[in-house]
């Protein structure tokens, strides 16, 4: 969540896309950690499957959002023209 917030506040789609990619990587890290917790007997197979299902859903949502940003014509607020920044 922190990666997504940081990327969003950078006001550009390419940077936001980058931070969404980091967030997907964090999902993979969490998935790896759940395997280790299961292997150490800290969680049951049912809990492992529940958590991994949620991770998969989150990963897919982030991926869909990344796809949307790649196809969007909107580049971000910092590229938005205003009379004060004189950018066409």
PDB file of N, CA and C in Angstrom:
ATOM      1  N   UNK A   1       0.823  -1.183   0.000  1.00  0.00           N
ATOM      2  CA  UNK A   1       0.000   0.000   0.000  1.00  0.00           C
ATOM      3  C   UNK A   1       0.876   1.259   0.000  1.00  0.00           C
ATOM      4  N   UNK A   2       1.971   1.221   0.735  1.00  0.00           N
ATOM      5  CA  UNK A   2       2.845   2.384   0.780  1.00  0.00           C
ATOM      6  C   UNK A   2       3.464   2.665  -0.583  1.00  0.00           C
ATOM      7  N   UNK A   3       3.846   1.618  -1.311  1.00  0.00           N
ATOM      8  CA  UNK A   3       4.399   1.820  -2.657  1.00  0.00           C
ATOM      9  C   UNK A   3       3.376   2.473  -3.573  1.00  0.00           C
ATOM     10  N   UNK A   4       2.129   2.048  -3.470  1.00  0.00           N
ATOM     11  CA  UNK A   4       1.074   2.607  -4.315  1.00  0.00           C
ATOM     12  C   UNK A   4       0.859   4.079  -3.967  1.00  0.00           C
ATOM     13  N   UNK A   5       0.820   4.404  -2.677  1.00  0.00           N
ATOM     14  CA  UNK A   5       0.637   5.795  -2.255  1.00  0.00           C
ATOM     15  C   UNK A   5       1.798   6.670  -2.723  1.00  0.00           C
ATOM     16  N   UNK A   6       3.010   6.179  -2.572  1.00  0.00           N
ATOM     17  CA  UNK A   6       4.174   6.955  -2.995  1.00  0.00           C
ATOM     18  C   UNK A   6       4.167   7.181  -4.498  1.00  0.00           C
ATOM     19  N   UNK A   7       3.871   6.146  -5.264  1.00  0.00           N
ATOM     20  CA  UNK A   7       3.831   6.282  -6.714  1.00  0.00           C
ATOM     21  C   UNK A   7       2.741   7.227  -7.173  1.00  0.00           C
ATOM     22  N   UNK A   8       1.574   7.166  -6.529  1.00  0.00           N
ATOM     23  CA  UNK A   8       0.459   8.037  -6.893  1.00  0.00           C
ATOM     24  C   UNK A   8       0.823   9.493  -6.679  1.00  0.00           C
ATOM     25  N   UNK A   9       1.520   9.772  -5.590  1.00  0.00           N
ATOM     26  CA  UNK A   9       1.838  11.161  -5.253  1.00  0.00           C
ATOM     27  C   UNK A   9       2.922  11.752  -6.150  1.00  0.00           C
ATOM     28  N   UNK A  10       3.536  10.969  -6.980  1.00  0.00           N
ATOM     29  CA  UNK A  10       4.550  11.491  -7.898  1.00  0.00           C
ATOM     30  C   UNK A  10       3.930  12.131  -9.140  1.00  0.00           C
ATOM     31  N   UNK A  11       2.627  11.997  -9.294  1.00  0.00           N
ATOM     32  CA  UNK A  11       1.838  12.704 -10.310  1.00  0.00           C
ATOM     33  C   UNK A  11       2.177  12.364 -11.757  1.00  0.00           C
ATOM     34  N   UNK A  12       2.780  11.247 -12.010  1.00  0.00           N
ATOM     35  CA  UNK A  12       3.044  10.835 -13.384  1.00  0.00           C
ATOM     36  C   UNK A  12       2.731   9.362 -13.566  1.00  0.00           C
ATOM     37  N   UNK A  13       2.108   9.019 -14.684  1.00  0.00           N
ATOM     38  CA  UNK A  13       1.718   7.628 -14.913  1.00  0.00           C
ATOM     39  C   UNK A  13       2.900   6.671 -14.941  1.00  0.00           C
ATOM     40  N   UNK A  14       4.011   7.077 -15.539  1.00  0.00           N
ATOM     41  CA  UNK A  14       5.130   6.140 -15.642  1.00  0.00           C
ATOM     42  C   UNK A  14       5.711   5.838 -14.264  1.00  0.00           C
ATOM     43  N   UNK A  15       5.829   6.859 -13.417  1.00  0.00           N
ATOM     44  CA  UNK A  15       6.318   6.610 -12.059  1.00  0.00           C
ATOM     45  C   UNK A  15       5.312   5.803 -11.256  1.00  0.00           C
ATOM     46  N   UNK A  16       4.035   6.130 -11.412  1.00  0.00           N
ATOM     47  CA  UNK A  16       2.988   5.382 -10.710  1.00  0.00           C
ATOM     48  C   UNK A  16       3.028   3.919 -11.140  1.00  0.00           C
ATOM     49  N   UNK A  17       3.170   3.685 -12.430  1.00  0.00           N
ATOM     50  CA  UNK A  17       3.259   2.329 -12.966  1.00  0.00           C
ATOM     51  C   UNK A  17       4.444   1.590 -12.339  1.00  0.00           C
ATOM     52  N   UNK A  18       5.577   2.274 -12.212  1.00  0.00           N
ATOM     53  CA  UNK A  18       6.756   1.684 -11.576  1.00  0.00           C
ATOM     54  C   UNK A  18       6.457   1.224 -10.161  1.00  0.00           C
ATOM     55  N   UNK A  19       5.817   2.086  -9.388  1.00  0.00           N
ATOM     56  CA  UNK A  19       5.530   1.753  -8.002  1.00  0.00           C
ATOM     57  C   UNK A  19       4.462   0.667  -7.888  1.00  0.00           C
ATOM     58  N   UNK A  20       3.550   0.606  -8.836  1.00  0.00           N
ATOM     59  CA  UNK A  20       2.607  -0.518  -8.860  1.00  0.00           C
ATOM     60  C   UNK A  20       3.361  -1.819  -9.106  1.00  0.00           C
ATOM     61  N   UNK A  21       4.378  -1.761  -9.938  1.00  0.00           N
ATOM     62  CA  UNK A  21       5.217  -2.932 -10.183  1.00  0.00           C
ATOM     63  C   UNK A  21       5.914  -3.373  -8.897  1.00  0.00           C
ATOM     64  N   UNK A  22       6.417  -2.413  -8.130  1.00  0.00           N
ATOM     65  CA  UNK A  22       7.027  -2.747  -6.838  1.00  0.00           C
ATOM     66  C   UNK A  22       6.000  -3.418  -5.924  1.00  0.00           C
ATOM     67  N   UNK A  23       4.763  -2.926  -5.980  1.00  0.00           N
ATOM     68  CA  UNK A  23       3.705  -3.503  -5.147  1.00  0.00           C
ATOM     69  C   UNK A  23       3.407  -4.945  -5.542  1.00  0.00           C
ATOM     70  N   UNK A  24       3.426  -5.218  -6.839  1.00  0.00           N
ATOM     71  CA  UNK A  24       3.251  -6.608  -7.279  1.00  0.00           C
ATOM     72  C   UNK A  24       4.389  -7.473  -6.760  1.00  0.00           C
ATOM     73  N   UNK A  25       5.592  -6.934  -6.763  1.00  0.00           N
ATOM     74  CA  UNK A  25       6.735  -7.658  -6.215  1.00  0.00           C
ATOM     75  C   UNK A  25       6.558  -7.940  -4.736  1.00  0.00           C
ATOM     76  N   UNK A  26       6.001  -6.979  -4.016  1.00  0.00           N
ATOM     77  CA  UNK A  26       5.736  -7.178  -2.591  1.00  0.00           C
ATOM     78  C   UNK A  26       4.720  -8.290  -2.375  1.00  0.00           C
ATOM     79  N   UNK A  27       3.761  -8.415  -3.276  1.00  0.00           N
ATOM     80  CA  UNK A  27       2.801  -9.520  -3.188  1.00  0.00           C
ATOM     81  C   UNK A  27       3.527 -10.863  -3.315  1.00  0.00           C
ATOM     82  N   UNK A  28       4.480 -10.934  -4.208  1.00  0.00           N
ATOM     83  CA  UNK A  28       5.256 -12.171  -4.373  1.00  0.00           C
ATOM     84  C   UNK A  28       6.079 -12.467  -3.129  1.00  0.00           C
ATOM     85  N   UNK A  29       6.623 -11.424  -2.525  1.00  0.00           N
ATOM     86  CA  UNK A  29       7.366 -11.614  -1.273  1.00  0.00           C
ATOM     87  C   UNK A  29       6.453 -12.172  -0.190  1.00  0.00           C
ATOM     88  N   UNK A  30       5.259 -11.613  -0.097  1.00  0.00           N
ATOM     89  CA  UNK A  30       4.310 -12.093   0.904  1.00  0.00           C
ATOM     90  C   UNK A  30       3.935 -13.548   0.651  1.00  0.00           C
ATOM     91  N   UNK A  31       3.747 -13.900  -0.611  1.00  0.00           N
ATOM     92  CA  UNK A  31       3.429 -15.285  -0.954  1.00  0.00           C
ATOM     93  C   UNK A  31       4.558 -16.216  -0.501  1.00  0.00           C
ATOM     94  N   UNK A  32       5.791 -15.809  -0.717  1.00  0.00           N
ATOM     95  CA  UNK A  32       6.943 -16.588  -0.274  1.00  0.00           C
ATOM     96  C   UNK A  32       6.959 -16.720   1.247  1.00  0.00           C
ATOM     97  N   UNK A  33       6.640 -15.651   1.944  1.00  0.00           N
ATOM     98  CA  UNK A  33       6.619 -15.680   3.398  1.00  0.00           C
ATOM     99  C   UNK A  33       5.538 -16.607   3.938  1.00  0.00           C
ATOM    100  N   UNK A  34       4.415 -16.689   3.227  1.00  0.00           N
ATOM    101  CA  UNK A  34       3.360 -17.604   3.684  1.00  0.00           C
ATOM    102  C   UNK A  34       3.811 -19.059   3.554  1.00  0.00           C
ATOM    103  N   UNK A  35       4.566 -19.363   2.496  1.00  0.00           N
ATOM    104  CA  UNK A  35       5.104 -20.724   2.367  1.00  0.00           C
ATOM    105  C   UNK A  35       6.038 -21.043   3.533  1.00  0.00           C
ATOM    106  N   UNK A  36       6.876 -20.084   3.892  1.00  0.00           N
ATOM    107  CA  UNK A  36       7.794 -20.323   5.013  1.00  0.00           C
ATOM    108  C   UNK A  36       7.035 -20.503   6.315  1.00  0.00           C
ATOM    109  N   UNK A  37       5.994 -19.697   6.529  1.00  0.00           N
ATOM    110  CA  UNK A  37       5.182 -19.835   7.743  1.00  0.00           C
ATOM    111  C   UNK A  37       4.513 -21.204   7.788  1.00  0.00           C
ATOM    112  N   UNK A  38       4.031 -21.660   6.641  1.00  0.00           N
ATOM    113  CA  UNK A  38       3.410 -22.987   6.572  1.00  0.00           C
ATOM    114  C   UNK A  38       4.447 -24.081   6.837  1.00  0.00           C
ATOM    115  N   UNK A  39       5.607 -23.963   6.205  1.00  0.00           N
ATOM    116  CA  UNK A  39       6.664 -24.961   6.390  1.00  0.00           C
ATOM    117  C   UNK A  39       7.115 -25.057   7.845  1.00  0.00           C
ATOM    118  N   UNK A  40       7.063 -23.957   8.577  1.00  0.00           N
ATOM    119  CA  UNK A  40       7.456 -23.954   9.989  1.00  0.00           C
ATOM    120  C   UNK A  40       6.311 -24.342  10.921  1.00  0.00           C
ATOM    121  N   UNK A  41       5.147 -24.622  10.341  1.00  0.00           N
ATOM    122  CA  UNK A  41       4.000 -25.030  11.143  1.00  0.00           C
ATOM    123  C   UNK A  41       3.289 -23.881  11.845  1.00  0.00           C
ATOM    124  N   UNK A  42       3.526 -22.654  11.396  1.00  0.00           N
ATOM    125  CA  UNK A  42       2.911 -21.492  12.028  1.00  0.00           C
ATOM    126  C   UNK A  42       1.486 -21.246  11.551  1.00  0.00           C
ATOM    127  N   UNK A  43       1.166 -21.714  10.354  1.00  0.00           N
ATOM    128  CA  UNK A  43      -0.197 -21.581   9.823  1.00  0.00           C
ATOM    129  C   UNK A  43      -0.626 -22.907   9.211  1.00  0.00           C
ATOM    130  N   UNK A  44      -1.920 -23.114   9.170  1.00  0.00           N
ATOM    131  CA  UNK A  44      -2.471 -24.346   8.586  1.00  0.00           C
ATOM    132  C   UNK A  44      -2.559 -24.221   7.072  1.00  0.00           C
ATOM    133  N   UNK A  45      -2.810 -25.335   6.426  1.00  0.00           N
ATOM    134  CA  UNK A  45      -2.966 -25.321   4.965  1.00  0.00           C
ATOM    135  C   UNK A  45      -4.172 -24.471   4.563  1.00  0.00           C
ATOM    136  N   UNK A  46      -5.220 -24.478   5.393  1.00  0.00           N
ATOM    137  CA  UNK A  46      -6.409 -23.669   5.093  1.00  0.00           C
ATOM    138  C   UNK A  46      -6.071 -22.182   5.110  1.00  0.00           C
ATOM    139  N   UNK A  47      -5.317 -21.757   6.120  1.00  0.00           N
ATOM    140  CA  UNK A  47      -4.913 -20.345   6.219  1.00  0.00           C
ATOM    141  C   UNK A  47      -3.982 -19.994   5.062  1.00  0.00           C
ATOM    142  N   UNK A  48      -3.047 -20.887   4.757  1.00  0.00           N
ATOM    143  CA  UNK A  48      -2.140 -20.686   3.626  1.00  0.00           C
ATOM    144  C   UNK A  48      -2.938 -20.442   2.349  1.00  0.00           C
ATOM    145  N   UNK A  49      -3.910 -21.279   2.083  1.00  0.00           N
ATOM    146  CA  UNK A  49      -4.707 -21.150   0.859  1.00  0.00           C
ATOM    147  C   UNK A  49      -5.540 -19.870   0.859  1.00  0.00           C
ATOM    148  N   UNK A  50      -6.093 -19.488   2.012  1.00  0.00           N
ATOM    149  CA  UNK A  50      -6.872 -18.249   2.093  1.00  0.00           C
ATOM    150  C   UNK A  50      -6.001 -17.030   1.800  1.00  0.00           C
ATOM    151  N   UNK A  51      -4.848 -16.991   2.442  1.00  0.00           N
ATOM    152  CA  UNK A  51      -3.956 -15.848   2.237  1.00  0.00           C
ATOM    153  C   UNK A  51      -3.480 -15.794   0.794  1.00  0.00           C
ATOM    154  N   UNK A  52      -3.086 -16.927   0.257  1.00  0.00           N
ATOM    155  CA  UNK A  52      -2.587 -16.932  -1.117  1.00  0.00           C
ATOM    156  C   UNK A  52      -3.672 -16.586  -2.121  1.00  0.00           C
ATOM    157  N   UNK A  53      -4.903 -16.943  -1.833  1.00  0.00           N
ATOM    158  CA  UNK A  53      -6.013 -16.555  -2.702  1.00  0.00           C
ATOM    159  C   UNK A  53      -6.173 -15.038  -2.712  1.00  0.00           C
ATOM    160  N   UNK A  54      -6.079 -14.436  -1.544  1.00  0.00           N
ATOM    161  CA  UNK A  54      -6.178 -12.973  -1.454  1.00  0.00           C
ATOM    162  C   UNK A  54      -5.002 -12.295  -2.150  1.00  0.00           C
ATOM    163  N   UNK A  55      -3.830 -12.882  -2.002  1.00  0.00           N
ATOM    164  CA  UNK A  55      -2.649 -12.334  -2.679  1.00  0.00           C
ATOM    165  C   UNK A  55      -2.853 -12.378  -4.191  1.00  0.00           C
ATOM    166  N   UNK A  56      -3.366 -13.484  -4.689  1.00  0.00           N
ATOM    167  CA  UNK A  56      -3.598 -13.637  -6.131  1.00  0.00           C
ATOM    168  C   UNK A  56      -4.599 -12.596  -6.640  1.00  0.00           C
ATOM    169  N   UNK A  57      -5.664 -12.382  -5.886  1.00  0.00           N
ATOM    170  CA  UNK A  57      -6.675 -11.381  -6.262  1.00  0.00           C
ATOM    171  C   UNK A  57      -6.039  -9.991  -6.302  1.00  0.00           C
ATOM    172  N   UNK A  58      -5.268  -9.668  -5.276  1.00  0.00           N
ATOM    173  CA  UNK A  58      -4.614  -8.359  -5.203  1.00  0.00           C
ATOM    174  C   UNK A  58      -3.621  -8.181  -6.345  1.00  0.00           C
ATOM    175  N   UNK A  59      -2.829  -9.213  -6.611  1.00  0.00           N
ATOM    176  CA  UNK A  59      -1.860  -9.160  -7.709  1.00  0.00           C
ATOM    177  C   UNK A  59      -2.570  -8.921  -9.038  1.00  0.00           C
ATOM    178  N   UNK A  60      -3.679  -9.610  -9.259  1.00  0.00           N
ATOM    179  CA  UNK A  60      -4.435  -9.432 -10.503  1.00  0.00           C
ATOM    180  C   UNK A  60      -5.020  -8.032 -10.620  1.00  0.00           C
ATOM    181  N   UNK A  61      -5.501  -7.491  -9.514  1.00  0.00           N
ATOM    182  CA  UNK A  61      -6.058  -6.132  -9.539  1.00  0.00           C
ATOM    183  C   UNK A  61      -4.974  -5.102  -9.852  1.00  0.00           C
ATOM    184  N   UNK A  62      -3.826  -5.263  -9.235  1.00  0.00           N
ATOM    185  CA  UNK A  62      -2.715  -4.344  -9.515  1.00  0.00           C
ATOM    186  C   UNK A  62      -2.304  -4.462 -10.981  1.00  0.00           C
ATOM    187  N   UNK A  63      -2.219  -5.680 -11.482  1.00  0.00           N
ATOM    188  CA  UNK A  63      -1.865  -5.897 -12.886  1.00  0.00           C
ATOM    189  C   UNK A  63      -2.869  -5.268 -13.834  1.00  0.00           C
ATOM    190  N   UNK A  64      -4.163  -5.383 -13.507  1.00  0.00           N
ATOM    191  CA  UNK A  64      -5.202  -4.777 -14.348  1.00  0.00           C
ATOM    192  C   UNK A  64      -5.084  -3.253 -14.332  1.00  0.00           C
ATOM    193  N   UNK A  65      -4.767  -2.702 -13.175  1.00  0.00           N
ATOM    194  CA  UNK A  65      -4.601  -1.252 -13.074  1.00  0.00           C
ATOM    195  C   UNK A  65      -3.384  -0.797 -13.869  1.00  0.00           C
ATOM    196  N   UNK A  66      -2.312  -1.580 -13.824  1.00  0.00           N
ATOM    197  CA  UNK A  66      -1.115  -1.265 -14.608  1.00  0.00           C
ATOM    198  C   UNK A  66      -1.451  -1.278 -16.103  1.00  0.00           C
ATOM    199  N   UNK A  67      -2.231  -2.256 -16.534  1.00  0.00           N
ATOM    200  CA  UNK A  67      -2.650  -2.346 -17.936  1.00  0.00           C
ATOM    201  C   UNK A  67      -3.453  -1.100 -18.317  1.00  0.00           C
ATOM    202  N   UNK A  68      -4.373  -0.703 -17.445  1.00  0.00           N
ATOM    203  CA  UNK A  68      -5.174   0.490 -17.695  1.00  0.00           C
ATOM    204  C   UNK A  68      -4.280   1.723 -17.859  1.00  0.00           C
ATOM    205  N   UNK A  69      -3.307   1.879 -16.970  1.00  0.00           N
ATOM    206  CA  UNK A  69      -2.421   3.042 -17.051  1.00  0.00           C
ATOM    207  C   UNK A  69      -1.613   3.052 -18.340  1.00  0.00           C
ATOM    208  N   UNK A  70      -1.176   1.872 -18.772  1.00  0.00           N
ATOM    209  CA  UNK A  70      -0.409   1.808 -20.034  1.00  0.00           C
ATOM    210  C   UNK A  70      -1.252   2.230 -21.225  1.00  0.00           C
ATOM    211  N   UNK A  71      -2.550   1.949 -21.187  1.00  0.00           N
ATOM    212  CA  UNK A  71      -3.442   2.270 -22.305  1.00  0.00           C
ATOM    213  C   UNK A  71      -4.035   3.671 -22.208  1.00  0.00           C
ATOM    214  N   UNK A  72      -3.908   4.311 -21.057  1.00  0.00           N
ATOM    215  CA  UNK A  72      -4.522   5.611 -20.828  1.00  0.00           C
ATOM    216  C   UNK A  72      -3.746   6.724 -21.532  1.00  0.00           C
ATOM    217  N   UNK A  73      -4.466   7.700 -22.036  1.00  0.00           N
ATOM    218  CA  UNK A  73      -3.846   8.878 -22.637  1.00  0.00           C
ATOM    219  C   UNK A  73      -3.431   9.895 -21.582  1.00  0.00           C
ATOM    220  N   UNK A  74      -3.992   9.781 -20.395  1.00  0.00           N
ATOM    221  CA  UNK A  74      -3.661  10.704 -19.316  1.00  0.00           C
ATOM    222  C   UNK A  74      -2.280  10.360 -18.780  1.00  0.00           C
ATOM    223  N   UNK A  75      -1.382  11.324 -18.755  1.00  0.00           N
ATOM    224  CA  UNK A  75      -0.004  11.058 -18.361  1.00  0.00           C
ATOM    225  C   UNK A  75       0.279  11.397 -16.912  1.00  0.00           C
ATOM    226  N   UNK A  76      -0.579  12.188 -16.264  1.00  0.00           N
ATOM    227  CA  UNK A  76      -0.382  12.556 -14.871  1.00  0.00           C
ATOM    228  C   UNK A  76      -0.507  14.049 -14.665  1.00  0.00           C
ATOM    229  N   UNK A  77      -0.738  14.425 -13.422  1.00  0.00           N
ATOM    230  CA  UNK A  77      -0.960  15.833 -13.097  1.00  0.00           C
ATOM    231  C   UNK A  77       0.246  16.713 -13.402  1.00  0.00           C
ATOM    232  N   UNK A  78       1.449  16.189 -13.240  1.00  0.00           N
ATOM    233  CA  UNK A  78       2.604  17.055 -13.468  1.00  0.00           C
ATOM    234  C   UNK A  78       2.791  17.386 -14.939  1.00  0.00           C
ATOM    235  N   UNK A  79       2.096  16.672 -15.810  1.00  0.00           N
ATOM    236  CA  UNK A  79       2.168  16.957 -17.239  1.00  0.00           C
ATOM    237  C   UNK A  79       0.965  17.765 -17.723  1.00  0.00           C
ATOM    238  N   UNK A  80       0.054  18.056 -16.807  1.00  0.00           N
ATOM    239  CA  UNK A  80      -1.150  18.805 -17.163  1.00  0.00           C
ATOM    240  C   UNK A  80      -0.786  20.261 -17.407  1.00  0.00           C
ATOM    241  N   UNK A  81      -1.245  20.799 -18.527  1.00  0.00           N
ATOM    242  CA  UNK A  81      -0.938  22.181 -18.873  1.00  0.00           C
ATOM    243  C   UNK A  81      -1.763  23.130 -18.016  1.00  0.00           C
ATOM    244  N   UNK A  82      -1.112  24.124 -17.493  1.00  0.00           N
ATOM    245  CA  UNK A  82      -1.785  25.233 -16.817  1.00  0.00           C
ATOM    246  C   UNK A  82      -1.128  26.516 -17.300  1.00  0.00           C
ATOM    247  N   UNK A  83      -1.809  27.639 -17.205  1.00  0.00           N
ATOM    248  CA  UNK A  83      -1.209  28.912 -17.624  1.00  0.00           C
ATOM    249  C   UNK A  83       0.073  29.236 -16.859  1.00  0.00           C
ATOM    250  N   UNK A  84       0.210  28.738 -15.647  1.00  0.00           N
ATOM    251  CA  UNK A  84       1.390  29.058 -14.823  1.00  0.00           C
ATOM    252  C   UNK A  84       2.640  28.307 -15.248  1.00  0.00           C
ATOM    253  N   UNK A  85       2.492  27.106 -15.815  1.00  0.00           N
ATOM    254  CA  UNK A  85       3.721  26.373 -16.169  1.00  0.00           C
ATOM    255  C   UNK A  85       4.065  26.484 -17.647  1.00  0.00           C
ATOM    256  N   UNK A  86       3.212  27.137 -18.447  1.00  0.00           N
ATOM    257  CA  UNK A  86       3.474  27.430 -19.859  1.00  0.00           C
ATOM    258  C   UNK A  86       3.822  26.202 -20.691  1.00  0.00           C
ATOM    259  N   UNK A  87       3.296  25.078 -20.311  1.00  0.00           N
ATOM    260  CA  UNK A  87       3.535  23.863 -21.125  1.00  0.00           C
ATOM    261  C   UNK A  87       2.300  23.611 -21.978  1.00  0.00           C
ATOM    262  N   UNK A  88       2.481  23.400 -23.256  1.00  0.00           N
ATOM    263  CA  UNK A  88       1.315  23.133 -24.122  1.00  0.00           C
ATOM    264  C   UNK A  88       0.744  21.759 -23.859  1.00  0.00           C
TER     265      UNK A  88
END
